[in-house]
């Protein structure tokens, strides 16, 4: 069983949510609405949606959002929020690699929140193919990642740590495996007397690899940006926003 099946619960889940910046999320939502060319009535797929920090505000603009995520805690939280606010959000709690999405059903799709590194190469191509098949022709697919090779490797850190809100501390020991193309990490979260440790494997892709896989799925890459201001991505930039269109 892959590491992400059991990672998103308890202390790591709480730390991830507390680490998010609401103002920055609002900027990302505006960015998504713009680059995906969506608005009221659009059918949108949120892949690896988490607790719905993008899906909820997009739904509030009139989009019909379908969310898929593997975390039962996140899915329950999102379902409760959608019900209480009467939002047009459909929540699917499943591993996307084993779930059959409807074909040609969505006007747009996105995978944000730095989740675009969970899968090894064969499964990553399957994942991209699934999203592409679910899009209508001409629909856009946008991704965000901080784990691109051009971002990670120039200043690779074998150890790092940072404080999180609510007195949570995050620590990581990282080992890059160049033959396999992934980082094997031991991540530890500490809050008071509570301590949780997980072994995490993040698969590292070059921009060229991702572009090739998108093209194999029938998706044309139309933009690669370093930030929400749409500055072109270049070596050493900390994150990538990639936009593609189904041919």
C-alpha atoms as a PDB file:
ATOM      1  CA  UNK A   1       0.000   0.000   0.000  1.00  0.00           C
ATOM      2  CA  UNK A   2       1.379   3.412  -0.995  1.00  0.00           C
ATOM      3  CA  UNK A   3       2.321   5.870   1.759  1.00  0.00           C
ATOM      4  CA  UNK A   4      -0.426   8.371   0.903  1.00  0.00           C
ATOM      5  CA  UNK A   5      -3.148   5.840   1.819  1.00  0.00           C
ATOM      6  CA  UNK A   6      -2.461   6.389   5.529  1.00  0.00           C
ATOM      7  CA  UNK A   7      -0.701   9.772   5.642  1.00  0.00           C
ATOM      8  CA  UNK A   8      -3.581  12.248   5.573  1.00  0.00           C
ATOM      9  CA  UNK A   9      -5.091  11.869   9.002  1.00  0.00           C
ATOM     10  CA  UNK A  10      -4.459  13.156  12.485  1.00  0.00           C
ATOM     11  CA  UNK A  11      -1.514  15.457  13.155  1.00  0.00           C
ATOM     12  CA  UNK A  12      -0.052  15.610   9.592  1.00  0.00           C
ATOM     13  CA  UNK A  13      -3.483  16.449   8.218  1.00  0.00           C
ATOM     14  CA  UNK A  14      -3.980  19.201  10.804  1.00  0.00           C
ATOM     15  CA  UNK A  15      -0.503  20.601  10.148  1.00  0.00           C
ATOM     16  CA  UNK A  16      -1.106  20.764   6.386  1.00  0.00           C
ATOM     17  CA  UNK A  17      -4.363  22.641   6.834  1.00  0.00           C
ATOM     18  CA  UNK A  18      -2.871  25.099   9.337  1.00  0.00           C
ATOM     19  CA  UNK A  19       0.041  25.764   6.969  1.00  0.00           C
ATOM     20  CA  UNK A  20      -2.262  27.118   4.247  1.00  0.00           C
ATOM     21  CA  UNK A  21      -2.591  30.856   3.668  1.00  0.00           C
ATOM     22  CA  UNK A  22      -6.231  31.836   3.069  1.00  0.00           C
ATOM     23  CA  UNK A  23      -5.320  35.002   1.178  1.00  0.00           C
ATOM     24  CA  UNK A  24      -2.995  33.076  -1.132  1.00  0.00           C
ATOM     25  CA  UNK A  25      -5.698  30.455  -1.669  1.00  0.00           C
ATOM     26  CA  UNK A  26      -8.043  33.243  -2.801  1.00  0.00           C
ATOM     27  CA  UNK A  27      -5.425  34.314  -5.356  1.00  0.00           C
ATOM     28  CA  UNK A  28      -5.130  30.716  -6.571  1.00  0.00           C
ATOM     29  CA  UNK A  29      -8.896  30.470  -6.975  1.00  0.00           C
ATOM     30  CA  UNK A  30      -8.931  33.652  -9.082  1.00  0.00           C
ATOM     31  CA  UNK A  31      -6.029  32.244 -11.103  1.00  0.00           C
ATOM     32  CA  UNK A  32      -7.888  28.982 -11.686  1.00  0.00           C
ATOM     33  CA  UNK A  33     -11.066  30.740 -12.790  1.00  0.00           C
ATOM     34  CA  UNK A  34      -8.994  32.713 -15.293  1.00  0.00           C
ATOM     35  CA  UNK A  35      -6.704  30.046 -16.785  1.00  0.00           C
ATOM     36  CA  UNK A  36      -9.364  27.312 -16.818  1.00  0.00           C
ATOM     37  CA  UNK A  37     -11.867  29.710 -18.411  1.00  0.00           C
ATOM     38  CA  UNK A  38     -14.643  28.637 -16.044  1.00  0.00           C
ATOM     39  CA  UNK A  39     -17.584  30.384 -14.487  1.00  0.00           C
ATOM     40  CA  UNK A  40     -21.195  29.843 -13.507  1.00  0.00           C
ATOM     41  CA  UNK A  41     -22.436  26.501 -14.787  1.00  0.00           C
ATOM     42  CA  UNK A  42     -18.994  25.030 -15.518  1.00  0.00           C
ATOM     43  CA  UNK A  43     -18.391  21.421 -14.513  1.00  0.00           C
ATOM     44  CA  UNK A  44     -15.000  21.230 -12.799  1.00  0.00           C
ATOM     45  CA  UNK A  45     -12.948  18.296 -11.501  1.00  0.00           C
ATOM     46  CA  UNK A  46     -10.776  18.840  -8.404  1.00  0.00           C
ATOM     47  CA  UNK A  47      -8.271  15.984  -8.247  1.00  0.00           C
ATOM     48  CA  UNK A  48      -6.732  15.161  -4.830  1.00  0.00           C
ATOM     49  CA  UNK A  49      -8.984  17.869  -3.445  1.00  0.00           C
ATOM     50  CA  UNK A  50      -8.183  17.686   0.263  1.00  0.00           C
ATOM     51  CA  UNK A  51     -10.661  19.571   2.408  1.00  0.00           C
ATOM     52  CA  UNK A  52     -11.819  21.682  -0.530  1.00  0.00           C
ATOM     53  CA  UNK A  53      -9.971  24.948  -0.049  1.00  0.00           C
ATOM     54  CA  UNK A  54     -10.264  25.619  -3.801  1.00  0.00           C
ATOM     55  CA  UNK A  55     -13.465  23.687  -4.483  1.00  0.00           C
ATOM     56  CA  UNK A  56     -15.597  25.568  -1.966  1.00  0.00           C
ATOM     57  CA  UNK A  57     -14.917  29.094  -3.277  1.00  0.00           C
ATOM     58  CA  UNK A  58     -15.194  27.882  -6.901  1.00  0.00           C
ATOM     59  CA  UNK A  59     -18.555  26.346  -6.088  1.00  0.00           C
ATOM     60  CA  UNK A  60     -19.641  29.636  -4.545  1.00  0.00           C
ATOM     61  CA  UNK A  61     -19.103  31.270  -7.964  1.00  0.00           C
ATOM     62  CA  UNK A  62     -21.595  28.867  -9.548  1.00  0.00           C
ATOM     63  CA  UNK A  63     -19.329  26.041 -10.697  1.00  0.00           C
ATOM     64  CA  UNK A  64     -20.413  22.442 -10.211  1.00  0.00           C
ATOM     65  CA  UNK A  65     -17.330  20.831  -8.637  1.00  0.00           C
ATOM     66  CA  UNK A  66     -16.575  17.122  -8.386  1.00  0.00           C
ATOM     67  CA  UNK A  67     -13.873  16.374  -5.811  1.00  0.00           C
ATOM     68  CA  UNK A  68     -11.899  13.158  -5.417  1.00  0.00           C
ATOM     69  CA  UNK A  69      -9.524  12.433  -2.539  1.00  0.00           C
ATOM     70  CA  UNK A  70      -8.283   9.400  -0.639  1.00  0.00           C
ATOM     71  CA  UNK A  71      -8.535  10.895   2.883  1.00  0.00           C
ATOM     72  CA  UNK A  72     -11.793   9.939   4.592  1.00  0.00           C
ATOM     73  CA  UNK A  73     -11.282  12.758   7.128  1.00  0.00           C
ATOM     74  CA  UNK A  74     -10.887  15.397   4.412  1.00  0.00           C
ATOM     75  CA  UNK A  75     -13.834  14.009   2.424  1.00  0.00           C
ATOM     76  CA  UNK A  76     -16.107  14.016   5.466  1.00  0.00           C
ATOM     77  CA  UNK A  77     -15.106  17.598   6.299  1.00  0.00           C
ATOM     78  CA  UNK A  78     -15.733  18.734   2.712  1.00  0.00           C
ATOM     79  CA  UNK A  79     -19.059  16.906   2.465  1.00  0.00           C
ATOM     80  CA  UNK A  80     -20.259  18.494   5.705  1.00  0.00           C
ATOM     81  CA  UNK A  81     -19.211  21.955   4.506  1.00  0.00           C
ATOM     82  CA  UNK A  82     -20.954  21.461   1.162  1.00  0.00           C
ATOM     83  CA  UNK A  83     -24.144  20.268   2.847  1.00  0.00           C
ATOM     84  CA  UNK A  84     -24.215  23.048   5.430  1.00  0.00           C
ATOM     85  CA  UNK A  85     -23.649  25.757   2.802  1.00  0.00           C
ATOM     86  CA  UNK A  86     -25.811  24.081   0.141  1.00  0.00           C
ATOM     87  CA  UNK A  87     -22.980  24.039  -2.386  1.00  0.00           C
ATOM     88  CA  UNK A  88     -22.917  22.115  -5.664  1.00  0.00           C
ATOM     89  CA  UNK A  89     -20.018  19.844  -4.693  1.00  0.00           C
ATOM     90  CA  UNK A  90     -19.898  16.086  -5.256  1.00  0.00           C
ATOM     91  CA  UNK A  91     -17.325  14.360  -3.031  1.00  0.00           C
ATOM     92  CA  UNK A  92     -15.780  11.028  -4.037  1.00  0.00           C
ATOM     93  CA  UNK A  93     -13.640   9.311  -1.393  1.00  0.00           C
ATOM     94  CA  UNK A  94     -11.397   6.982  -3.394  1.00  0.00           C
ATOM     95  CA  UNK A  95      -7.931   6.346  -4.782  1.00  0.00           C
ATOM     96  CA  UNK A  96      -8.126   7.947  -8.213  1.00  0.00           C
ATOM     97  CA  UNK A  97      -5.904   5.223  -9.711  1.00  0.00           C
ATOM     98  CA  UNK A  98      -8.676   2.720  -9.016  1.00  0.00           C
ATOM     99  CA  UNK A  99     -11.647   4.932  -9.841  1.00  0.00           C
ATOM    100  CA  UNK A 100     -13.356   5.256 -13.222  1.00  0.00           C
ATOM    101  CA  UNK A 101     -14.101   8.891 -13.964  1.00  0.00           C
ATOM    102  CA  UNK A 102     -16.831   9.622 -16.542  1.00  0.00           C
ATOM    103  CA  UNK A 103     -15.491  10.362 -20.026  1.00  0.00           C
ATOM    104  CA  UNK A 104     -15.796  13.821 -21.617  1.00  0.00           C
ATOM    105  CA  UNK A 105     -17.721  15.050 -18.574  1.00  0.00           C
ATOM    106  CA  UNK A 106     -15.822  18.112 -17.313  1.00  0.00           C
ATOM    107  CA  UNK A 107     -15.120  21.560 -18.709  1.00  0.00           C
ATOM    108  CA  UNK A 108     -11.903  21.815 -16.672  1.00  0.00           C
ATOM    109  CA  UNK A 109      -9.777  20.059 -14.043  1.00  0.00           C
ATOM    110  CA  UNK A 110      -7.012  20.945 -11.630  1.00  0.00           C
ATOM    111  CA  UNK A 111      -4.601  19.322  -9.172  1.00  0.00           C
ATOM    112  CA  UNK A 112      -3.310  21.915  -6.707  1.00  0.00           C
ATOM    113  CA  UNK A 113      -1.738  21.753  -3.249  1.00  0.00           C
ATOM    114  CA  UNK A 114       1.597  20.174  -4.202  1.00  0.00           C
ATOM    115  CA  UNK A 115       0.093  16.718  -4.702  1.00  0.00           C
ATOM    116  CA  UNK A 116       1.515  16.222  -8.185  1.00  0.00           C
ATOM    117  CA  UNK A 117       4.364  13.953  -7.115  1.00  0.00           C
ATOM    118  CA  UNK A 118       2.639  11.031  -5.408  1.00  0.00           C
ATOM    119  CA  UNK A 119       2.843   8.544  -8.271  1.00  0.00           C
ATOM    120  CA  UNK A 120       5.761   6.727  -9.961  1.00  0.00           C
ATOM    121  CA  UNK A 121       6.087   7.089 -13.718  1.00  0.00           C
ATOM    122  CA  UNK A 122       3.736   4.342 -14.910  1.00  0.00           C
ATOM    123  CA  UNK A 123       1.006   5.346 -12.466  1.00  0.00           C
ATOM    124  CA  UNK A 124       1.584   9.051 -13.185  1.00  0.00           C
ATOM    125  CA  UNK A 125       0.895   8.488 -16.884  1.00  0.00           C
ATOM    126  CA  UNK A 126      -2.244   6.552 -15.926  1.00  0.00           C
ATOM    127  CA  UNK A 127      -3.319   9.423 -13.658  1.00  0.00           C
ATOM    128  CA  UNK A 128      -2.831  12.047 -16.374  1.00  0.00           C
ATOM    129  CA  UNK A 129      -4.634   9.852 -18.910  1.00  0.00           C
ATOM    130  CA  UNK A 130      -7.614   9.483 -16.555  1.00  0.00           C
ATOM    131  CA  UNK A 131      -7.959  13.233 -16.113  1.00  0.00           C
ATOM    132  CA  UNK A 132      -7.558  13.836 -19.846  1.00  0.00           C
ATOM    133  CA  UNK A 133     -10.260  11.278 -20.666  1.00  0.00           C
ATOM    134  CA  UNK A 134     -12.608  12.949 -18.197  1.00  0.00           C
ATOM    135  CA  UNK A 135     -12.226  16.350 -19.893  1.00  0.00           C
ATOM    136  CA  UNK A 136     -14.341  17.588 -22.748  1.00  0.00           C
ATOM    137  CA  UNK A 137     -12.374  18.496 -25.905  1.00  0.00           C
ATOM    138  CA  UNK A 138     -10.958  21.986 -25.433  1.00  0.00           C
ATOM    139  CA  UNK A 139     -11.077  21.670 -21.636  1.00  0.00           C
ATOM    140  CA  UNK A 140      -8.146  22.838 -19.515  1.00  0.00           C
ATOM    141  CA  UNK A 141      -6.139  20.943 -16.879  1.00  0.00           C
ATOM    142  CA  UNK A 142      -3.970  22.935 -14.451  1.00  0.00           C
ATOM    143  CA  UNK A 143      -1.461  21.558 -11.952  1.00  0.00           C
ATOM    144  CA  UNK A 144       0.704  22.996  -9.183  1.00  0.00           C
ATOM    145  CA  UNK A 145       3.852  21.403  -7.782  1.00  0.00           C
ATOM    146  CA  UNK A 146       6.843  22.364  -5.654  1.00  0.00           C
ATOM    147  CA  UNK A 147       8.567  19.051  -6.360  1.00  0.00           C
ATOM    148  CA  UNK A 148       9.788  19.618  -9.882  1.00  0.00           C
ATOM    149  CA  UNK A 149      13.418  18.558 -10.437  1.00  0.00           C
ATOM    150  CA  UNK A 150      14.344  22.083 -11.559  1.00  0.00           C
ATOM    151  CA  UNK A 151      12.960  23.406  -8.247  1.00  0.00           C
ATOM    152  CA  UNK A 152      14.211  20.784  -5.787  1.00  0.00           C
ATOM    153  CA  UNK A 153      17.629  19.677  -6.980  1.00  0.00           C
ATOM    154  CA  UNK A 154      19.571  22.982  -7.334  1.00  0.00           C
ATOM    155  CA  UNK A 155      19.331  23.537  -3.570  1.00  0.00           C
ATOM    156  CA  UNK A 156      18.531  20.061  -2.287  1.00  0.00           C
ATOM    157  CA  UNK A 157      18.380  19.795   1.502  1.00  0.00           C
ATOM    158  CA  UNK A 158      18.905  16.483   3.258  1.00  0.00           C
ATOM    159  CA  UNK A 159      17.389  17.869   6.448  1.00  0.00           C
ATOM    160  CA  UNK A 160      14.894  20.637   7.046  1.00  0.00           C
ATOM    161  CA  UNK A 161      12.385  21.747   9.619  1.00  0.00           C
ATOM    162  CA  UNK A 162       9.823  24.470  10.175  1.00  0.00           C
ATOM    163  CA  UNK A 163       7.348  25.568  12.826  1.00  0.00           C
ATOM    164  CA  UNK A 164       3.633  25.328  12.042  1.00  0.00           C
ATOM    165  CA  UNK A 165       0.766  27.081  13.783  1.00  0.00           C
ATOM    166  CA  UNK A 166      -0.703  25.628  17.004  1.00  0.00           C
ATOM    167  CA  UNK A 167       2.797  24.707  18.248  1.00  0.00           C
ATOM    168  CA  UNK A 168       3.315  21.997  15.640  1.00  0.00           C
ATOM    169  CA  UNK A 169       6.884  21.403  14.461  1.00  0.00           C
ATOM    170  CA  UNK A 170       7.676  19.658  11.183  1.00  0.00           C
ATOM    171  CA  UNK A 171      11.007  17.908  10.553  1.00  0.00           C
ATOM    172  CA  UNK A 172      12.209  15.939   7.541  1.00  0.00           C
ATOM    173  CA  UNK A 173      15.213  13.832   6.558  1.00  0.00           C
ATOM    174  CA  UNK A 174      15.444  13.504   2.778  1.00  0.00           C
ATOM    175  CA  UNK A 175      17.346  11.021   0.633  1.00  0.00           C
ATOM    176  CA  UNK A 176      17.293  11.554  -3.142  1.00  0.00           C
ATOM    177  CA  UNK A 177      17.478   8.326  -5.156  1.00  0.00           C
ATOM    178  CA  UNK A 178      18.620   9.402  -8.651  1.00  0.00           C
ATOM    179  CA  UNK A 179      18.325   5.948 -10.236  1.00  0.00           C
ATOM    180  CA  UNK A 180      14.645   5.702  -9.324  1.00  0.00           C
ATOM    181  CA  UNK A 181      13.906   9.438  -9.530  1.00  0.00           C
ATOM    182  CA  UNK A 182      12.340   9.965  -6.134  1.00  0.00           C
ATOM    183  CA  UNK A 183      12.972  11.403  -2.682  1.00  0.00           C
ATOM    184  CA  UNK A 184      12.609   9.014   0.239  1.00  0.00           C
ATOM    185  CA  UNK A 185      11.759  11.144   3.254  1.00  0.00           C
ATOM    186  CA  UNK A 186      11.145  10.546   6.938  1.00  0.00           C
ATOM    187  CA  UNK A 187       8.702  13.237   8.031  1.00  0.00           C
ATOM    188  CA  UNK A 188       8.012  13.886  11.703  1.00  0.00           C
ATOM    189  CA  UNK A 189       5.308  16.066  13.230  1.00  0.00           C
ATOM    190  CA  UNK A 190       5.531  17.070  16.902  1.00  0.00           C
ATOM    191  CA  UNK A 191       2.894  18.846  18.984  1.00  0.00           C
ATOM    192  CA  UNK A 192       3.369  18.772  22.747  1.00  0.00           C
ATOM    193  CA  UNK A 193       3.627  15.120  23.759  1.00  0.00           C
ATOM    194  CA  UNK A 194       2.231  13.935  20.415  1.00  0.00           C
ATOM    195  CA  UNK A 195       4.691  12.735  17.784  1.00  0.00           C
ATOM    196  CA  UNK A 196       3.871  11.179  14.402  1.00  0.00           C
ATOM    197  CA  UNK A 197       6.416   9.909  11.848  1.00  0.00           C
ATOM    198  CA  UNK A 198       5.763   8.807   8.262  1.00  0.00           C
ATOM    199  CA  UNK A 199       7.915   7.458   5.449  1.00  0.00           C
ATOM    200  CA  UNK A 200       7.060   9.474   2.341  1.00  0.00           C
ATOM    201  CA  UNK A 201       8.114   8.953  -1.264  1.00  0.00           C
ATOM    202  CA  UNK A 202       7.917  11.958  -3.601  1.00  0.00           C
ATOM    203  CA  UNK A 203       8.566  11.244  -7.278  1.00  0.00           C
ATOM    204  CA  UNK A 204      10.642  13.957  -8.942  1.00  0.00           C
ATOM    205  CA  UNK A 205       9.989  14.858 -12.576  1.00  0.00           C
ATOM    206  CA  UNK A 206      11.633  17.314 -14.914  1.00  0.00           C
ATOM    207  CA  UNK A 207       9.416  19.778 -16.736  1.00  0.00           C
ATOM    208  CA  UNK A 208      10.308  17.991 -19.965  1.00  0.00           C
ATOM    209  CA  UNK A 209       9.049  14.668 -18.561  1.00  0.00           C
ATOM    210  CA  UNK A 210       5.759  16.177 -17.430  1.00  0.00           C
ATOM    211  CA  UNK A 211       5.257  17.903 -20.773  1.00  0.00           C
ATOM    212  CA  UNK A 212       5.872  14.619 -22.590  1.00  0.00           C
ATOM    213  CA  UNK A 213       3.390  12.718 -20.409  1.00  0.00           C
ATOM    214  CA  UNK A 214       0.750  15.384 -20.953  1.00  0.00           C
ATOM    215  CA  UNK A 215       1.301  15.210 -24.703  1.00  0.00           C
ATOM    216  CA  UNK A 216       0.948  11.411 -24.597  1.00  0.00           C
ATOM    217  CA  UNK A 217      -2.444  11.915 -22.939  1.00  0.00           C
ATOM    218  CA  UNK A 218      -3.598  14.320 -25.639  1.00  0.00           C
ATOM    219  CA  UNK A 219      -3.009  17.452 -23.581  1.00  0.00           C
ATOM    220  CA  UNK A 220      -1.136  20.407 -25.060  1.00  0.00           C
ATOM    221  CA  UNK A 221       0.862  22.409 -22.519  1.00  0.00           C
ATOM    222  CA  UNK A 222      -0.081  26.067 -23.033  1.00  0.00           C
ATOM    223  CA  UNK A 223       1.743  27.729 -20.121  1.00  0.00           C
ATOM    224  CA  UNK A 224       4.392  27.040 -17.460  1.00  0.00           C
ATOM    225  CA  UNK A 225       4.553  29.697 -14.754  1.00  0.00           C
ATOM    226  CA  UNK A 226       6.608  30.320 -11.629  1.00  0.00           C
ATOM    227  CA  UNK A 227       3.847  32.175  -9.784  1.00  0.00           C
ATOM    228  CA  UNK A 228       0.300  33.479  -9.967  1.00  0.00           C
ATOM    229  CA  UNK A 229       1.527  36.557 -11.807  1.00  0.00           C
ATOM    230  CA  UNK A 230       2.278  34.187 -14.714  1.00  0.00           C
ATOM    231  CA  UNK A 231       6.032  34.841 -14.839  1.00  0.00           C
ATOM    232  CA  UNK A 232       7.650  32.150 -17.018  1.00  0.00           C
ATOM    233  CA  UNK A 233       9.072  29.193 -15.091  1.00  0.00           C
ATOM    234  CA  UNK A 234      12.864  28.871 -15.070  1.00  0.00           C
ATOM    235  CA  UNK A 235      15.552  26.829 -13.332  1.00  0.00           C
ATOM    236  CA  UNK A 236      15.535  27.320  -9.559  1.00  0.00           C
ATOM    237  CA  UNK A 237      11.983  28.657  -9.261  1.00  0.00           C
ATOM    238  CA  UNK A 238      10.345  27.203  -6.169  1.00  0.00           C
ATOM    239  CA  UNK A 239       7.073  26.147  -7.751  1.00  0.00           C
ATOM    240  CA  UNK A 240       5.401  25.428 -11.067  1.00  0.00           C
ATOM    241  CA  UNK A 241       1.924  26.235 -12.311  1.00  0.00           C
ATOM    242  CA  UNK A 242       1.342  24.328 -15.541  1.00  0.00           C
ATOM    243  CA  UNK A 243      -1.667  24.835 -17.821  1.00  0.00           C
ATOM    244  CA  UNK A 244      -2.709  22.366 -20.519  1.00  0.00           C
ATOM    245  CA  UNK A 245      -5.575  21.995 -22.979  1.00  0.00           C
ATOM    246  CA  UNK A 246      -7.225  18.828 -24.286  1.00  0.00           C
ATOM    247  CA  UNK A 247      -6.881  18.598 -28.045  1.00  0.00           C
END
